[in-house]
Amino acid sequence: MKPGARAVGIAESTADDRCLLCGVVVRADRAVDGVGFASATVGAHDATDAVLRLLDRLDRDDIQYLILSGVAPAWFNMLDLGRIAAVADRPALSVSYETSPGLAPAIKREFEGAARRERLAVYDRLPPRRRVDVNGETLFVRSVGLGDADGNDGSASSGDASAPTAPDEVARVVRAYTPTGGRPEPVRVARLAARGAQTLHAADADRHE
């Protein structure tokens, strides 16, 4: 991958009823090239719209990939990865770092009625998690617009007991933006920036009380 190829990493920091999403544009050579923010509501259904607002504010035609940290920020405020990829007209990947039995049991346990149905509907549309080995660690990646991992093959909610290996194209992108450790650089930096901005917001709120 060319050193100047750009990805935007999107990660969140949540405190009380406020979820702050940060998007950081990072080149494959690790140079940071842009930062944007948007907010979502904890326990609501606006995280996908918040991500799209963030991308609109960044207004970057040179971004080649979207890399999101997880799919359920802000207390199961589910991200619709297919819609994000379609609106942004870019391949979209979500990355997570631990094995999981799937989110469906937790959604069913924590929500009822329409809140449960809406979350499960988004979750069931997600593509399955695929394994990517990088720097001696294993990531789990959902992808839309890369390789043959598009669409749900029925395993999105079945856990990781036999998660297949990600297609080569997906693994290539993840590894290109993960020069060290087990967390892609765009989402690592985005997470740090989101936490810093959230801390600043809390400090400002305390000062004005």
N, C-alpha and C. Protein backbone atom coordinates (compact mmCIF):
# COMPACT_ATOMS: atom_id res chain seq x y z
N MET A 1 0.84 -1.19 0.00
CA MET A 1 0.00 0.00 0.00
C MET A 1 0.88 1.25 0.00
N LYS A 2 0.51 2.26 -0.78
CA LYS A 2 1.30 3.48 -0.87
C LYS A 2 1.29 4.21 0.48
N PRO A 3 2.41 4.83 0.86
CA PRO A 3 2.49 5.50 2.15
C PRO A 3 1.43 6.57 2.36
N GLY A 4 0.97 7.22 1.27
CA GLY A 4 0.01 8.29 1.40
C GLY A 4 -1.45 7.85 1.40
N ALA A 5 -1.70 6.55 1.29
CA ALA A 5 -3.09 6.07 1.29
C ALA A 5 -3.73 6.37 2.64
N ARG A 6 -4.92 6.95 2.63
CA ARG A 6 -5.54 7.44 3.85
C ARG A 6 -6.74 6.62 4.28
N ALA A 7 -6.83 6.41 5.59
CA ALA A 7 -8.01 5.80 6.20
C ALA A 7 -8.48 6.71 7.32
N VAL A 8 -9.77 6.71 7.56
CA VAL A 8 -10.27 7.43 8.74
C VAL A 8 -10.68 6.38 9.78
N GLY A 9 -10.13 6.53 10.96
CA GLY A 9 -10.51 5.68 12.08
C GLY A 9 -11.54 6.39 12.93
N ILE A 10 -12.57 5.66 13.36
CA ILE A 10 -13.65 6.25 14.16
C ILE A 10 -13.79 5.45 15.44
N ALA A 11 -13.67 6.15 16.56
CA ALA A 11 -13.81 5.53 17.87
C ALA A 11 -14.57 6.49 18.77
N GLU A 12 -15.00 5.99 19.94
CA GLU A 12 -15.85 6.81 20.81
C GLU A 12 -15.37 6.82 22.24
N SER A 13 -15.84 7.83 22.96
CA SER A 13 -15.70 7.89 24.40
C SER A 13 -17.07 8.25 24.96
N THR A 14 -17.55 7.46 25.91
CA THR A 14 -18.90 7.64 26.44
C THR A 14 -18.84 7.95 27.92
N ALA A 15 -19.59 8.98 28.31
CA ALA A 15 -19.71 9.35 29.73
C ALA A 15 -21.12 9.85 29.97
N ASP A 16 -21.75 9.31 31.02
CA ASP A 16 -23.14 9.67 31.34
C ASP A 16 -24.02 9.44 30.12
N ASP A 17 -24.72 10.46 29.62
CA ASP A 17 -25.62 10.27 28.49
C ASP A 17 -25.03 10.83 27.20
N ARG A 18 -23.73 11.06 27.17
CA ARG A 18 -23.09 11.67 26.01
C ARG A 18 -22.03 10.74 25.44
N CYS A 19 -22.15 10.45 24.16
CA CYS A 19 -21.15 9.66 23.44
C CYS A 19 -20.48 10.58 22.43
N LEU A 20 -19.19 10.72 22.56
CA LEU A 20 -18.43 11.55 21.62
C LEU A 20 -17.68 10.64 20.66
N LEU A 21 -17.96 10.80 19.38
CA LEU A 21 -17.28 10.05 18.33
C LEU A 21 -16.20 10.92 17.71
N CYS A 22 -15.03 10.34 17.54
CA CYS A 22 -13.94 11.07 16.91
C CYS A 22 -13.51 10.32 15.65
N GLY A 23 -13.28 11.06 14.60
CA GLY A 23 -12.72 10.49 13.38
C GLY A 23 -11.35 11.09 13.12
N VAL A 24 -10.35 10.25 12.91
CA VAL A 24 -8.99 10.71 12.66
C VAL A 24 -8.51 10.13 11.33
N VAL A 25 -8.08 11.02 10.44
CA VAL A 25 -7.53 10.59 9.15
C VAL A 25 -6.04 10.29 9.35
N VAL A 26 -5.64 9.07 8.99
CA VAL A 26 -4.26 8.64 9.16
C VAL A 26 -3.77 8.04 7.85
N ARG A 27 -2.58 8.44 7.45
CA ARG A 27 -1.97 7.86 6.26
C ARG A 27 -1.32 6.52 6.60
N ALA A 28 -1.07 5.72 5.60
CA ALA A 28 -0.47 4.42 5.83
C ALA A 28 0.93 4.54 6.43
N ASP A 29 1.58 5.70 6.27
CA ASP A 29 2.89 5.91 6.88
C ASP A 29 2.77 6.48 8.29
N ARG A 30 1.54 6.48 8.87
CA ARG A 30 1.22 6.84 10.24
C ARG A 30 1.08 8.35 10.46
N ALA A 31 1.19 9.16 9.42
CA ALA A 31 1.00 10.61 9.58
C ALA A 31 -0.49 10.91 9.78
N VAL A 32 -0.81 11.69 10.81
CA VAL A 32 -2.18 12.11 11.07
C VAL A 32 -2.49 13.30 10.17
N ASP A 33 -3.67 13.26 9.55
CA ASP A 33 -3.96 14.22 8.48
C ASP A 33 -5.34 14.85 8.60
N GLY A 34 -5.96 14.77 9.77
CA GLY A 34 -7.28 15.39 9.94
C GLY A 34 -8.01 14.80 11.12
N VAL A 35 -8.85 15.62 11.76
CA VAL A 35 -9.62 15.20 12.93
C VAL A 35 -11.01 15.81 12.87
N GLY A 36 -12.03 15.03 13.24
CA GLY A 36 -13.40 15.54 13.31
C GLY A 36 -14.16 14.88 14.44
N PHE A 37 -15.28 15.50 14.85
CA PHE A 37 -16.06 15.00 15.98
C PHE A 37 -17.55 15.04 15.65
N ALA A 38 -18.30 14.18 16.33
CA ALA A 38 -19.76 14.22 16.32
C ALA A 38 -20.21 13.53 17.60
N SER A 39 -21.44 13.79 17.99
CA SER A 39 -21.94 13.19 19.24
C SER A 39 -23.17 12.34 18.97
N ALA A 40 -23.35 11.33 19.81
CA ALA A 40 -24.53 10.46 19.76
C ALA A 40 -25.08 10.34 21.18
N THR A 41 -26.29 9.79 21.28
CA THR A 41 -26.97 9.68 22.56
C THR A 41 -26.87 8.26 23.09
N VAL A 42 -26.50 8.14 24.33
CA VAL A 42 -26.36 6.82 24.94
C VAL A 42 -27.72 6.11 24.97
N GLY A 43 -27.75 4.88 24.47
CA GLY A 43 -28.96 4.09 24.49
C GLY A 43 -29.98 4.43 23.44
N ALA A 44 -29.61 5.26 22.46
CA ALA A 44 -30.55 5.68 21.42
C ALA A 44 -30.24 4.94 20.11
N HIS A 45 -30.65 5.56 19.00
CA HIS A 45 -30.48 4.93 17.68
C HIS A 45 -29.84 5.89 16.69
N ASP A 46 -28.99 6.79 17.17
CA ASP A 46 -28.46 7.85 16.30
C ASP A 46 -26.97 7.73 16.02
N ALA A 47 -26.33 6.63 16.38
CA ALA A 47 -24.88 6.51 16.18
C ALA A 47 -24.52 6.47 14.69
N THR A 48 -25.30 5.77 13.89
CA THR A 48 -25.01 5.71 12.45
C THR A 48 -25.09 7.10 11.84
N ASP A 49 -26.14 7.86 12.19
CA ASP A 49 -26.25 9.24 11.68
C ASP A 49 -25.09 10.10 12.17
N ALA A 50 -24.64 9.88 13.40
CA ALA A 50 -23.51 10.64 13.94
C ALA A 50 -22.24 10.37 13.15
N VAL A 51 -22.00 9.09 12.81
CA VAL A 51 -20.83 8.76 12.00
C VAL A 51 -20.92 9.45 10.64
N LEU A 52 -22.08 9.45 10.03
CA LEU A 52 -22.24 10.09 8.73
C LEU A 52 -22.06 11.61 8.83
N ARG A 53 -22.52 12.21 9.92
CA ARG A 53 -22.28 13.64 10.14
C ARG A 53 -20.79 13.92 10.27
N LEU A 54 -20.10 13.07 11.01
CA LEU A 54 -18.67 13.23 11.20
C LEU A 54 -17.93 13.18 9.86
N LEU A 55 -18.28 12.21 9.03
CA LEU A 55 -17.64 12.10 7.73
C LEU A 55 -17.95 13.30 6.85
N ASP A 56 -19.17 13.81 6.95
CA ASP A 56 -19.55 14.99 6.17
C ASP A 56 -18.75 16.21 6.63
N ARG A 57 -18.53 16.32 7.92
CA ARG A 57 -17.75 17.45 8.44
C ARG A 57 -16.29 17.35 8.02
N LEU A 58 -15.75 16.15 7.99
CA LEU A 58 -14.38 15.99 7.52
C LEU A 58 -14.24 16.38 6.05
N ASP A 59 -15.26 16.00 5.25
CA ASP A 59 -15.32 16.40 3.84
C ASP A 59 -14.01 16.08 3.11
N ARG A 60 -13.63 14.81 3.16
CA ARG A 60 -12.36 14.39 2.57
C ARG A 60 -12.62 13.40 1.44
N ASP A 61 -12.33 13.83 0.22
CA ASP A 61 -12.47 12.95 -0.93
C ASP A 61 -11.30 11.97 -1.06
N ASP A 62 -10.23 12.21 -0.30
CA ASP A 62 -9.03 11.39 -0.47
C ASP A 62 -8.98 10.20 0.48
N ILE A 63 -10.00 10.02 1.31
CA ILE A 63 -10.05 8.87 2.21
C ILE A 63 -10.42 7.62 1.41
N GLN A 64 -9.66 6.55 1.61
CA GLN A 64 -9.91 5.31 0.88
C GLN A 64 -10.67 4.27 1.70
N TYR A 65 -10.50 4.30 3.03
CA TYR A 65 -11.11 3.27 3.87
C TYR A 65 -11.67 3.90 5.14
N LEU A 66 -12.76 3.32 5.63
CA LEU A 66 -13.31 3.68 6.93
C LEU A 66 -13.05 2.50 7.87
N ILE A 67 -12.46 2.79 9.04
CA ILE A 67 -12.19 1.75 10.03
C ILE A 67 -12.84 2.17 11.33
N LEU A 68 -13.85 1.43 11.75
CA LEU A 68 -14.60 1.77 12.96
C LEU A 68 -14.27 0.81 14.09
N SER A 69 -14.27 1.33 15.29
CA SER A 69 -14.02 0.51 16.46
C SER A 69 -15.35 -0.04 16.96
N GLY A 70 -15.61 -1.32 16.67
CA GLY A 70 -16.84 -1.97 17.13
C GLY A 70 -18.07 -1.55 16.35
N VAL A 71 -19.22 -2.09 16.76
CA VAL A 71 -20.49 -1.81 16.08
C VAL A 71 -21.60 -1.40 17.05
N ALA A 72 -21.29 -1.31 18.34
CA ALA A 72 -22.34 -1.03 19.32
C ALA A 72 -21.89 -0.01 20.36
N PRO A 73 -21.52 1.20 19.92
CA PRO A 73 -21.12 2.22 20.89
C PRO A 73 -22.31 2.71 21.69
N ALA A 74 -22.04 3.43 22.75
CA ALA A 74 -23.07 4.17 23.49
C ALA A 74 -24.25 3.29 23.88
N TRP A 75 -23.96 2.18 24.54
CA TRP A 75 -24.98 1.27 25.04
C TRP A 75 -25.89 0.75 23.92
N PHE A 76 -25.27 -0.02 23.02
CA PHE A 76 -25.98 -0.69 21.92
C PHE A 76 -26.69 0.30 20.99
N ASN A 77 -26.06 1.43 20.75
CA ASN A 77 -26.52 2.38 19.73
C ASN A 77 -25.90 1.89 18.42
N MET A 78 -26.57 0.93 17.80
CA MET A 78 -25.95 0.09 16.78
C MET A 78 -25.55 0.87 15.52
N LEU A 79 -24.38 0.49 14.99
CA LEU A 79 -23.89 1.06 13.74
C LEU A 79 -24.31 0.18 12.57
N ASP A 80 -24.93 0.80 11.58
CA ASP A 80 -25.33 0.12 10.36
C ASP A 80 -24.18 0.22 9.37
N LEU A 81 -23.31 -0.77 9.36
CA LEU A 81 -22.09 -0.71 8.57
C LEU A 81 -22.38 -0.61 7.07
N GLY A 82 -23.40 -1.32 6.62
CA GLY A 82 -23.74 -1.26 5.20
C GLY A 82 -24.19 0.12 4.78
N ARG A 83 -25.00 0.76 5.61
CA ARG A 83 -25.47 2.12 5.28
C ARG A 83 -24.32 3.11 5.29
N ILE A 84 -23.42 2.98 6.26
CA ILE A 84 -22.27 3.88 6.33
C ILE A 84 -21.42 3.74 5.08
N ALA A 85 -21.14 2.51 4.67
CA ALA A 85 -20.33 2.28 3.48
C ALA A 85 -21.01 2.82 2.23
N ALA A 86 -22.33 2.64 2.14
CA ALA A 86 -23.07 3.08 0.96
C ALA A 86 -23.10 4.59 0.85
N VAL A 87 -23.40 5.27 1.96
CA VAL A 87 -23.49 6.73 1.93
C VAL A 87 -22.11 7.35 1.70
N ALA A 88 -21.10 6.80 2.37
CA ALA A 88 -19.74 7.33 2.22
C ALA A 88 -19.10 6.92 0.89
N ASP A 89 -19.64 5.90 0.26
CA ASP A 89 -19.09 5.36 -0.98
C ASP A 89 -17.63 4.95 -0.80
N ARG A 90 -17.38 4.27 0.32
CA ARG A 90 -16.04 3.78 0.66
C ARG A 90 -16.19 2.41 1.31
N PRO A 91 -15.20 1.55 1.20
CA PRO A 91 -15.21 0.33 2.00
C PRO A 91 -15.21 0.68 3.48
N ALA A 92 -15.98 -0.04 4.27
CA ALA A 92 -16.06 0.19 5.71
C ALA A 92 -15.75 -1.09 6.45
N LEU A 93 -14.91 -0.98 7.46
CA LEU A 93 -14.55 -2.12 8.30
C LEU A 93 -14.80 -1.75 9.75
N SER A 94 -15.26 -2.71 10.54
CA SER A 94 -15.29 -2.52 11.99
C SER A 94 -14.37 -3.57 12.61
N VAL A 95 -13.63 -3.16 13.62
CA VAL A 95 -12.67 -4.05 14.24
C VAL A 95 -12.99 -4.23 15.71
N SER A 96 -12.80 -5.42 16.21
CA SER A 96 -12.91 -5.70 17.64
C SER A 96 -11.79 -6.65 18.01
N TYR A 97 -11.61 -6.87 19.31
CA TYR A 97 -10.34 -7.41 19.75
C TYR A 97 -10.45 -8.65 20.63
N GLU A 98 -11.65 -9.09 20.91
CA GLU A 98 -11.83 -10.26 21.78
C GLU A 98 -12.86 -11.20 21.18
N THR A 99 -12.75 -12.47 21.50
CA THR A 99 -13.77 -13.42 21.08
C THR A 99 -15.09 -13.07 21.76
N SER A 100 -16.18 -13.43 21.13
CA SER A 100 -17.50 -13.06 21.64
C SER A 100 -18.53 -14.08 21.21
N PRO A 101 -19.54 -14.33 22.04
CA PRO A 101 -20.64 -15.21 21.63
C PRO A 101 -21.63 -14.50 20.72
N GLY A 102 -21.39 -13.23 20.43
CA GLY A 102 -22.32 -12.44 19.64
C GLY A 102 -23.11 -11.49 20.54
N LEU A 103 -23.67 -10.45 19.95
CA LEU A 103 -24.38 -9.42 20.72
C LEU A 103 -25.85 -9.72 20.93
N ALA A 104 -26.40 -10.65 20.15
CA ALA A 104 -27.85 -10.90 20.23
C ALA A 104 -28.31 -11.26 21.64
N PRO A 105 -27.62 -12.14 22.38
CA PRO A 105 -28.09 -12.47 23.74
C PRO A 105 -28.14 -11.25 24.65
N ALA A 106 -27.13 -10.38 24.55
CA ALA A 106 -27.11 -9.18 25.40
C ALA A 106 -28.22 -8.22 25.01
N ILE A 107 -28.47 -8.05 23.73
CA ILE A 107 -29.55 -7.17 23.28
C ILE A 107 -30.89 -7.69 23.78
N LYS A 108 -31.10 -8.99 23.68
CA LYS A 108 -32.37 -9.57 24.14
C LYS A 108 -32.53 -9.44 25.65
N ARG A 109 -31.42 -9.49 26.36
CA ARG A 109 -31.47 -9.39 27.82
C ARG A 109 -31.75 -7.96 28.28
N GLU A 110 -31.19 -6.98 27.59
CA GLU A 110 -31.23 -5.60 28.07
C GLU A 110 -32.39 -4.78 27.52
N PHE A 111 -33.03 -5.23 26.43
CA PHE A 111 -34.05 -4.41 25.79
C PHE A 111 -35.31 -5.23 25.54
N GLU A 112 -36.41 -4.51 25.40
CA GLU A 112 -37.70 -5.13 25.10
C GLU A 112 -38.38 -4.39 23.96
N GLY A 113 -39.40 -5.00 23.40
CA GLY A 113 -40.27 -4.35 22.43
C GLY A 113 -39.52 -3.80 21.23
N ALA A 114 -39.91 -2.56 20.83
CA ALA A 114 -39.34 -1.94 19.63
C ALA A 114 -37.85 -1.71 19.78
N ALA A 115 -37.40 -1.35 20.98
CA ALA A 115 -35.96 -1.11 21.18
C ALA A 115 -35.16 -2.37 20.88
N ARG A 116 -35.68 -3.52 21.30
CA ARG A 116 -35.00 -4.79 21.00
C ARG A 116 -35.06 -5.10 19.51
N ARG A 117 -36.24 -4.97 18.92
CA ARG A 117 -36.41 -5.32 17.51
C ARG A 117 -35.52 -4.46 16.61
N GLU A 118 -35.46 -3.17 16.88
CA GLU A 118 -34.67 -2.28 16.04
C GLU A 118 -33.18 -2.62 16.11
N ARG A 119 -32.69 -2.91 17.30
CA ARG A 119 -31.28 -3.25 17.44
C ARG A 119 -30.97 -4.59 16.77
N LEU A 120 -31.82 -5.55 16.97
CA LEU A 120 -31.59 -6.86 16.35
C LEU A 120 -31.65 -6.77 14.83
N ALA A 121 -32.51 -5.91 14.31
CA ALA A 121 -32.61 -5.76 12.86
C ALA A 121 -31.30 -5.23 12.28
N VAL A 122 -30.72 -4.23 12.94
CA VAL A 122 -29.43 -3.71 12.48
C VAL A 122 -28.35 -4.76 12.64
N TYR A 123 -28.34 -5.42 13.78
CA TYR A 123 -27.32 -6.43 14.06
C TYR A 123 -27.37 -7.58 13.05
N ASP A 124 -28.57 -8.03 12.73
CA ASP A 124 -28.71 -9.16 11.80
C ASP A 124 -28.27 -8.81 10.38
N ARG A 125 -28.24 -7.51 10.06
CA ARG A 125 -27.78 -7.10 8.72
C ARG A 125 -26.26 -7.00 8.63
N LEU A 126 -25.58 -7.05 9.75
CA LEU A 126 -24.13 -6.89 9.72
C LEU A 126 -23.45 -8.09 9.06
N PRO A 127 -22.35 -7.85 8.36
CA PRO A 127 -21.56 -8.99 7.87
C PRO A 127 -20.90 -9.70 9.04
N PRO A 128 -20.50 -10.94 8.85
CA PRO A 128 -19.90 -11.71 9.95
C PRO A 128 -18.52 -11.20 10.33
N ARG A 129 -18.11 -11.56 11.54
CA ARG A 129 -16.74 -11.26 11.97
C ARG A 129 -15.79 -12.29 11.36
N ARG A 130 -14.66 -11.78 10.88
CA ARG A 130 -13.62 -12.64 10.30
C ARG A 130 -12.31 -12.38 11.04
N ARG A 131 -11.51 -13.41 11.14
CA ARG A 131 -10.24 -13.31 11.85
C ARG A 131 -9.16 -12.68 10.98
N VAL A 132 -8.38 -11.80 11.59
CA VAL A 132 -7.18 -11.27 10.96
C VAL A 132 -6.05 -11.36 11.98
N ASP A 133 -5.00 -12.07 11.66
CA ASP A 133 -3.82 -12.17 12.52
C ASP A 133 -2.84 -11.07 12.13
N VAL A 134 -2.43 -10.28 13.11
CA VAL A 134 -1.52 -9.17 12.85
C VAL A 134 -0.61 -8.98 14.05
N ASN A 135 0.68 -8.94 13.79
CA ASN A 135 1.68 -8.70 14.83
C ASN A 135 1.53 -9.65 16.02
N GLY A 136 1.19 -10.89 15.73
CA GLY A 136 1.06 -11.89 16.79
C GLY A 136 -0.24 -11.82 17.56
N GLU A 137 -1.17 -10.97 17.14
CA GLU A 137 -2.47 -10.85 17.80
C GLU A 137 -3.58 -11.13 16.80
N THR A 138 -4.78 -11.40 17.31
CA THR A 138 -5.93 -11.69 16.46
C THR A 138 -6.97 -10.60 16.61
N LEU A 139 -7.38 -10.03 15.49
CA LEU A 139 -8.49 -9.08 15.45
C LEU A 139 -9.67 -9.78 14.78
N PHE A 140 -10.87 -9.24 15.04
CA PHE A 140 -12.08 -9.72 14.39
C PHE A 140 -12.67 -8.56 13.61
N VAL A 141 -12.88 -8.78 12.32
CA VAL A 141 -13.20 -7.69 11.41
C VAL A 141 -14.48 -7.99 10.64
N ARG A 142 -15.38 -7.03 10.64
CA ARG A 142 -16.54 -7.05 9.73
C ARG A 142 -16.21 -6.09 8.59
N SER A 143 -16.58 -6.42 7.38
CA SER A 143 -16.25 -5.53 6.27
C SER A 143 -17.37 -5.47 5.25
N VAL A 144 -17.53 -4.29 4.69
CA VAL A 144 -18.45 -4.06 3.57
C VAL A 144 -17.65 -3.35 2.48
N GLY A 145 -17.61 -3.96 1.31
CA GLY A 145 -16.93 -3.33 0.19
C GLY A 145 -15.53 -3.83 -0.07
N LEU A 146 -15.09 -4.86 0.66
CA LEU A 146 -13.77 -5.44 0.44
C LEU A 146 -13.88 -6.96 0.40
N GLY A 147 -13.23 -7.57 -0.55
CA GLY A 147 -13.17 -9.03 -0.61
C GLY A 147 -14.53 -9.67 -0.70
N ASP A 148 -14.64 -10.89 -0.20
CA ASP A 148 -15.90 -11.62 -0.28
C ASP A 148 -16.62 -11.66 1.06
N ALA A 149 -16.29 -10.69 1.95
CA ALA A 149 -16.93 -10.67 3.27
C ALA A 149 -18.16 -9.79 3.29
N ASP A 150 -18.57 -9.26 2.12
CA ASP A 150 -19.76 -8.42 2.09
C ASP A 150 -20.99 -9.24 2.39
N GLY A 151 -21.91 -8.63 3.13
CA GLY A 151 -23.19 -9.29 3.38
C GLY A 151 -23.10 -10.28 4.50
N ASN A 152 -24.25 -10.63 5.05
CA ASN A 152 -24.33 -11.54 6.18
C ASN A 152 -24.48 -12.97 5.66
N ASP A 153 -23.55 -13.83 6.04
CA ASP A 153 -23.64 -15.22 5.59
C ASP A 153 -24.30 -16.11 6.63
N GLY A 154 -24.97 -15.45 7.60
CA GLY A 154 -25.68 -16.21 8.62
C GLY A 154 -24.91 -16.39 9.90
N SER A 155 -23.65 -15.94 9.95
CA SER A 155 -22.83 -16.15 11.14
C SER A 155 -22.63 -14.90 11.97
N ALA A 156 -23.32 -13.81 11.64
CA ALA A 156 -23.09 -12.55 12.35
C ALA A 156 -23.35 -12.68 13.83
N SER A 157 -24.31 -13.50 14.22
CA SER A 157 -24.67 -13.59 15.63
C SER A 157 -24.32 -14.94 16.24
N SER A 158 -23.50 -15.72 15.55
CA SER A 158 -23.24 -17.06 16.03
C SER A 158 -21.96 -17.19 16.84
N GLY A 159 -21.29 -16.06 17.10
CA GLY A 159 -20.08 -16.11 17.90
C GLY A 159 -18.86 -16.47 17.08
N ASP A 160 -17.74 -16.67 17.78
CA ASP A 160 -16.45 -16.81 17.10
C ASP A 160 -15.83 -18.19 17.22
N ALA A 161 -16.60 -19.18 17.60
CA ALA A 161 -16.03 -20.51 17.81
C ALA A 161 -15.32 -21.01 16.55
N SER A 162 -15.85 -20.67 15.39
CA SER A 162 -15.22 -21.12 14.15
C SER A 162 -15.15 -19.97 13.15
N ALA A 163 -14.82 -18.78 13.63
CA ALA A 163 -14.76 -17.61 12.75
C ALA A 163 -13.75 -17.86 11.64
N PRO A 164 -14.16 -17.68 10.38
CA PRO A 164 -13.24 -17.91 9.27
C PRO A 164 -12.21 -16.79 9.16
N THR A 165 -11.15 -17.06 8.44
CA THR A 165 -10.13 -16.05 8.20
C THR A 165 -10.66 -15.02 7.21
N ALA A 166 -10.31 -13.77 7.43
CA ALA A 166 -10.76 -12.70 6.54
C ALA A 166 -10.15 -12.86 5.15
N PRO A 167 -10.83 -12.37 4.13
CA PRO A 167 -10.26 -12.38 2.78
C PRO A 167 -8.93 -11.61 2.75
N ASP A 168 -8.08 -11.93 1.80
CA ASP A 168 -6.75 -11.33 1.72
C ASP A 168 -6.82 -9.81 1.65
N GLU A 169 -7.78 -9.27 0.91
CA GLU A 169 -7.87 -7.82 0.74
C GLU A 169 -8.17 -7.14 2.07
N VAL A 170 -9.06 -7.74 2.86
CA VAL A 170 -9.38 -7.18 4.18
C VAL A 170 -8.16 -7.24 5.09
N ALA A 171 -7.49 -8.38 5.11
CA ALA A 171 -6.30 -8.53 5.95
C ALA A 171 -5.21 -7.55 5.53
N ARG A 172 -5.06 -7.33 4.24
CA ARG A 172 -4.03 -6.41 3.75
C ARG A 172 -4.27 -5.00 4.27
N VAL A 173 -5.52 -4.54 4.25
CA VAL A 173 -5.83 -3.19 4.72
C VAL A 173 -5.59 -3.08 6.22
N VAL A 174 -6.09 -4.05 6.98
CA VAL A 174 -5.91 -4.01 8.43
C VAL A 174 -4.44 -3.99 8.79
N ARG A 175 -3.65 -4.84 8.17
CA ARG A 175 -2.22 -4.91 8.49
C ARG A 175 -1.48 -3.64 8.07
N ALA A 176 -1.91 -3.04 6.96
CA ALA A 176 -1.24 -1.83 6.50
C ALA A 176 -1.37 -0.69 7.50
N TYR A 177 -2.48 -0.66 8.24
CA TYR A 177 -2.71 0.41 9.21
C TYR A 177 -2.47 -0.04 10.65
N THR A 178 -1.82 -1.19 10.82
CA THR A 178 -1.47 -1.68 12.16
C THR A 178 0.01 -1.99 12.18
N PRO A 179 0.86 -0.96 12.20
CA PRO A 179 2.30 -1.21 12.11
C PRO A 179 2.89 -1.88 13.35
N THR A 180 2.28 -1.64 14.50
CA THR A 180 2.72 -2.28 15.74
C THR A 180 1.50 -2.64 16.57
N GLY A 181 1.64 -3.59 17.47
CA GLY A 181 0.55 -3.94 18.37
C GLY A 181 -0.61 -4.58 17.65
N GLY A 182 -1.79 -4.54 18.30
CA GLY A 182 -2.95 -5.20 17.76
C GLY A 182 -4.14 -4.29 17.53
N ARG A 183 -3.90 -2.99 17.43
CA ARG A 183 -5.00 -2.05 17.21
C ARG A 183 -4.63 -1.14 16.04
N PRO A 184 -5.44 -1.09 14.97
CA PRO A 184 -5.12 -0.22 13.84
C PRO A 184 -4.88 1.22 14.29
N GLU A 185 -3.85 1.83 13.74
CA GLU A 185 -3.46 3.17 14.16
C GLU A 185 -4.58 4.20 14.05
N PRO A 186 -5.41 4.20 12.99
CA PRO A 186 -6.47 5.20 12.92
C PRO A 186 -7.45 5.13 14.09
N VAL A 187 -7.87 3.93 14.50
CA VAL A 187 -8.81 3.86 15.62
C VAL A 187 -8.11 4.05 16.96
N ARG A 188 -6.83 3.68 17.04
CA ARG A 188 -6.09 3.92 18.28
C ARG A 188 -5.99 5.42 18.56
N VAL A 189 -5.63 6.20 17.54
CA VAL A 189 -5.50 7.64 17.72
C VAL A 189 -6.87 8.27 17.94
N ALA A 190 -7.88 7.80 17.21
CA ALA A 190 -9.23 8.34 17.39
C ALA A 190 -9.74 8.12 18.80
N ARG A 191 -9.45 6.97 19.36
CA ARG A 191 -9.89 6.68 20.73
C ARG A 191 -9.21 7.62 21.73
N LEU A 192 -7.93 7.86 21.57
CA LEU A 192 -7.22 8.79 22.44
C LEU A 192 -7.80 10.20 22.33
N ALA A 193 -8.07 10.63 21.09
CA ALA A 193 -8.60 11.98 20.89
C ALA A 193 -10.01 12.12 21.46
N ALA A 194 -10.83 11.08 21.30
CA ALA A 194 -12.18 11.12 21.85
C ALA A 194 -12.15 11.21 23.37
N ARG A 195 -11.27 10.45 23.99
CA ARG A 195 -11.15 10.50 25.44
C ARG A 195 -10.67 11.87 25.92
N GLY A 196 -9.70 12.44 25.21
CA GLY A 196 -9.20 13.75 25.59
C GLY A 196 -10.27 14.83 25.46
N ALA A 197 -11.03 14.79 24.37
CA ALA A 197 -12.09 15.78 24.18
C ALA A 197 -13.20 15.60 25.21
N GLN A 198 -13.51 14.35 25.55
CA GLN A 198 -14.53 14.09 26.57
C GLN A 198 -14.10 14.63 27.93
N THR A 199 -12.82 14.46 28.26
CA THR A 199 -12.29 14.97 29.52
C THR A 199 -12.36 16.49 29.56
N LEU A 200 -12.02 17.13 28.44
CA LEU A 200 -12.10 18.59 28.36
C LEU A 200 -13.53 19.07 28.53
N HIS A 201 -14.48 18.38 27.90
CA HIS A 201 -15.89 18.74 28.04
C HIS A 201 -16.35 18.64 29.48
N ALA A 202 -15.94 17.57 30.16
CA ALA A 202 -16.34 17.41 31.56
C ALA A 202 -15.73 18.50 32.42
N ALA A 203 -14.48 18.86 32.15
CA ALA A 203 -13.83 19.91 32.93
C ALA A 203 -14.52 21.25 32.73
N ASP A 204 -14.90 21.55 31.49
CA ASP A 204 -15.63 22.79 31.20
C ASP A 204 -16.97 22.81 31.91
N ALA A 205 -17.67 21.68 31.90
CA ALA A 205 -18.97 21.59 32.56
C ALA A 205 -18.82 21.84 34.06
N ASP A 206 -17.81 21.25 34.67
CA ASP A 206 -17.59 21.46 36.10
C ASP A 206 -17.29 22.92 36.40
N ARG A 207 -16.53 23.57 35.53
CA ARG A 207 -16.13 24.95 35.78
C ARG A 207 -17.32 25.90 35.71
N HIS A 208 -18.34 25.53 34.92
CA HIS A 208 -19.47 26.43 34.75
C HIS A 208 -20.66 26.08 35.66
N GLU A 209 -20.51 25.10 36.50
CA GLU A 209 -21.60 24.78 37.42
C GLU A 209 -21.75 25.85 38.51
